[in-house]
Structure formats: C-alpha cells, structure tokens
C-alpha atoms as a PDB file:
ATOM      1  CA  UNK A   1       0.007  -0.165   0.171  1.00  0.00           C
ATOM      2  CA  UNK A   2       3.053   2.475   0.110  1.00  0.00           C
ATOM      3  CA  UNK A   3       2.829   2.416  -3.707  1.00  0.00           C
ATOM      4  CA  UNK A   4      -0.438   3.940  -3.837  1.00  0.00           C
ATOM      5  CA  UNK A   5       0.418   6.440  -1.159  1.00  0.00           C
ATOM      6  CA  UNK A   6       3.221   7.742  -2.658  1.00  0.00           C
ATOM      7  CA  UNK A   7       0.990   8.207  -6.132  1.00  0.00           C
ATOM      8  CA  UNK A   8      -1.851   9.683  -4.396  1.00  0.00           C
ATOM      9  CA  UNK A   9       0.662  12.148  -2.810  1.00  0.00           C
ATOM     10  CA  UNK A  10       1.899  12.845  -6.355  1.00  0.00           C
ATOM     11  CA  UNK A  11      -1.402  13.124  -7.461  1.00  0.00           C
ATOM     12  CA  UNK A  12      -2.184  16.370  -4.729  1.00  0.00           C
ATOM     13  CA  UNK A  13       1.334  17.899  -5.438  1.00  0.00           C
ATOM     14  CA  UNK A  14       0.184  17.772  -9.585  1.00  0.00           C
ATOM     15  CA  UNK A  15      -3.452  19.191  -8.330  1.00  0.00           C
ATOM     16  CA  UNK A  16      -2.260  22.187  -6.453  1.00  0.00           C
ATOM     17  CA  UNK A  17       0.317  23.182  -9.043  1.00  0.00           C
ATOM     18  CA  UNK A  18      -0.549  26.589 -10.909  1.00  0.00           C
ATOM     19  CA  UNK A  19      -1.174  26.167 -14.972  1.00  0.00           C
ATOM     20  CA  UNK A  20      -0.951  29.939 -15.597  1.00  0.00           C
ATOM     21  CA  UNK A  21       2.627  30.599 -16.099  1.00  0.00           C
ATOM     22  CA  UNK A  22       3.678  27.232 -17.832  1.00  0.00           C
ATOM     23  CA  UNK A  23       5.588  27.236 -20.508  1.00  0.00           C
ATOM     24  CA  UNK A  24       4.992  25.122 -23.712  1.00  0.00           C
ATOM     25  CA  UNK A  25       7.499  22.469 -22.982  1.00  0.00           C
ATOM     26  CA  UNK A  26       6.371  22.395 -18.979  1.00  0.00           C
ATOM     27  CA  UNK A  27       2.458  21.882 -20.320  1.00  0.00           C
ATOM     28  CA  UNK A  28       3.858  18.997 -22.462  1.00  0.00           C
ATOM     29  CA  UNK A  29       5.639  17.464 -19.751  1.00  0.00           C
ATOM     30  CA  UNK A  30       2.594  18.333 -17.345  1.00  0.00           C
ATOM     31  CA  UNK A  31       0.289  16.642 -19.700  1.00  0.00           C
ATOM     32  CA  UNK A  32       2.214  13.219 -19.615  1.00  0.00           C
ATOM     33  CA  UNK A  33       2.825  13.372 -16.079  1.00  0.00           C
ATOM     34  CA  UNK A  34      -1.127  13.627 -15.464  1.00  0.00           C
ATOM     35  CA  UNK A  35      -1.682  10.555 -18.004  1.00  0.00           C
ATOM     36  CA  UNK A  36       0.601   8.405 -16.049  1.00  0.00           C
ATOM     37  CA  UNK A  37      -0.801   9.502 -12.613  1.00  0.00           C
ATOM     38  CA  UNK A  38      -3.985   8.406 -14.005  1.00  0.00           C
ATOM     39  CA  UNK A  39      -2.905   5.442 -15.215  1.00  0.00           C
ATOM     40  CA  UNK A  40      -1.123   3.944 -12.314  1.00  0.00           C
ATOM     41  CA  UNK A  41      -3.939   5.143 -10.126  1.00  0.00           C
ATOM     42  CA  UNK A  42      -6.324   3.398 -12.521  1.00  0.00           C
ATOM     43  CA  UNK A  43      -4.442  -0.200 -11.907  1.00  0.00           C
ATOM     44  CA  UNK A  44      -5.208   0.221  -8.073  1.00  0.00           C
ATOM     45  CA  UNK A  45      -8.785   1.184  -8.939  1.00  0.00           C
ATOM     46  CA  UNK A  46      -9.455  -2.023 -10.764  1.00  0.00           C
ATOM     47  CA  UNK A  47      -8.376  -3.951  -7.753  1.00  0.00           C
ATOM     48  CA  UNK A  48     -10.215  -2.120  -5.023  1.00  0.00           C
ATOM     49  CA  UNK A  49     -13.162  -0.442  -6.726  1.00  0.00           C
ATOM     50  CA  UNK A  50     -12.427   2.608  -3.951  1.00  0.00           C
ATOM     51  CA  UNK A  51     -14.386   5.435  -4.563  1.00  0.00           C
ATOM     52  CA  UNK A  52     -11.874   8.124  -3.491  1.00  0.00           C
ATOM     53  CA  UNK A  53      -9.310   6.813  -6.365  1.00  0.00           C
ATOM     54  CA  UNK A  54     -11.958   7.695  -8.865  1.00  0.00           C
ATOM     55  CA  UNK A  55     -12.405  10.990  -7.158  1.00  0.00           C
ATOM     56  CA  UNK A  56      -8.474  11.612  -7.692  1.00  0.00           C
ATOM     57  CA  UNK A  57      -8.579  10.655 -11.128  1.00  0.00           C
ATOM     58  CA  UNK A  58     -11.309  13.089 -12.060  1.00  0.00           C
ATOM     59  CA  UNK A  59      -9.440  15.718 -10.576  1.00  0.00           C
ATOM     60  CA  UNK A  60      -6.273  14.959 -12.261  1.00  0.00           C
ATOM     61  CA  UNK A  61      -8.213  14.290 -15.571  1.00  0.00           C
ATOM     62  CA  UNK A  62      -9.905  17.510 -15.357  1.00  0.00           C
ATOM     63  CA  UNK A  63      -6.990  19.172 -14.812  1.00  0.00           C
ATOM     64  CA  UNK A  64      -5.123  17.554 -17.576  1.00  0.00           C
ATOM     65  CA  UNK A  65      -8.043  18.710 -19.808  1.00  0.00           C
ATOM     66  CA  UNK A  66      -7.152  22.271 -19.215  1.00  0.00           C
ATOM     67  CA  UNK A  67      -3.560  21.901 -19.835  1.00  0.00           C
ATOM     68  CA  UNK A  68      -4.210  19.813 -23.237  1.00  0.00           C
ATOM     69  CA  UNK A  69      -6.818  22.724 -24.091  1.00  0.00           C
ATOM     70  CA  UNK A  70      -4.304  25.362 -23.788  1.00  0.00           C
ATOM     71  CA  UNK A  71      -2.063  23.448 -26.024  1.00  0.00           C
ATOM     72  CA  UNK A  72      -4.460  23.030 -28.803  1.00  0.00           C
ATOM     73  CA  UNK A  73      -5.175  26.774 -28.672  1.00  0.00           C
ATOM     74  CA  UNK A  74      -1.370  27.906 -29.279  1.00  0.00           C
ATOM     75  CA  UNK A  75      -1.436  25.420 -32.287  1.00  0.00           C
ATOM     76  CA  UNK A  76      -4.865  25.963 -34.192  1.00  0.00           C
END
C-alpha cells in the first residue's frame, strides 16, 4: 500500500500546481505526468473499486484537459 500512497501524494502535488505561467514544454510534460498518474491510480482502482481513487482520477483528468486545451489553442 506504500506505492498507492506515494502515487496519491504525487497526484495531490500535481493538483496544487498552477498552470498559469507554464511554458510550452512545461505543459507538455505536465500533460504526460497527468496521464501517468491517472493510469497508475487506475491499476489500483481496478483491484479495489475505491470511490476516492475515482475522485482523484477525475480531478487529475480535469486538470489535464485544461492543460491540453491550452496546448491546442496555441497550435490551431
């Protein structure tokens, strides 16, 4: 269970980060990091079906979508 606690802490730290002054490369790396966090939490969610894990995944996904939206805006 130590691994899931570390992943949840990473997710919490990611959620607290500001996306306002990110450079393009920061946005790309943040988007990739968010994807990795969601996928790793999903592995534990499949086994436990814990609703709190689903809530964390939704929060991270929402933030990732905002970052991706800014990336698309820049290149359209």
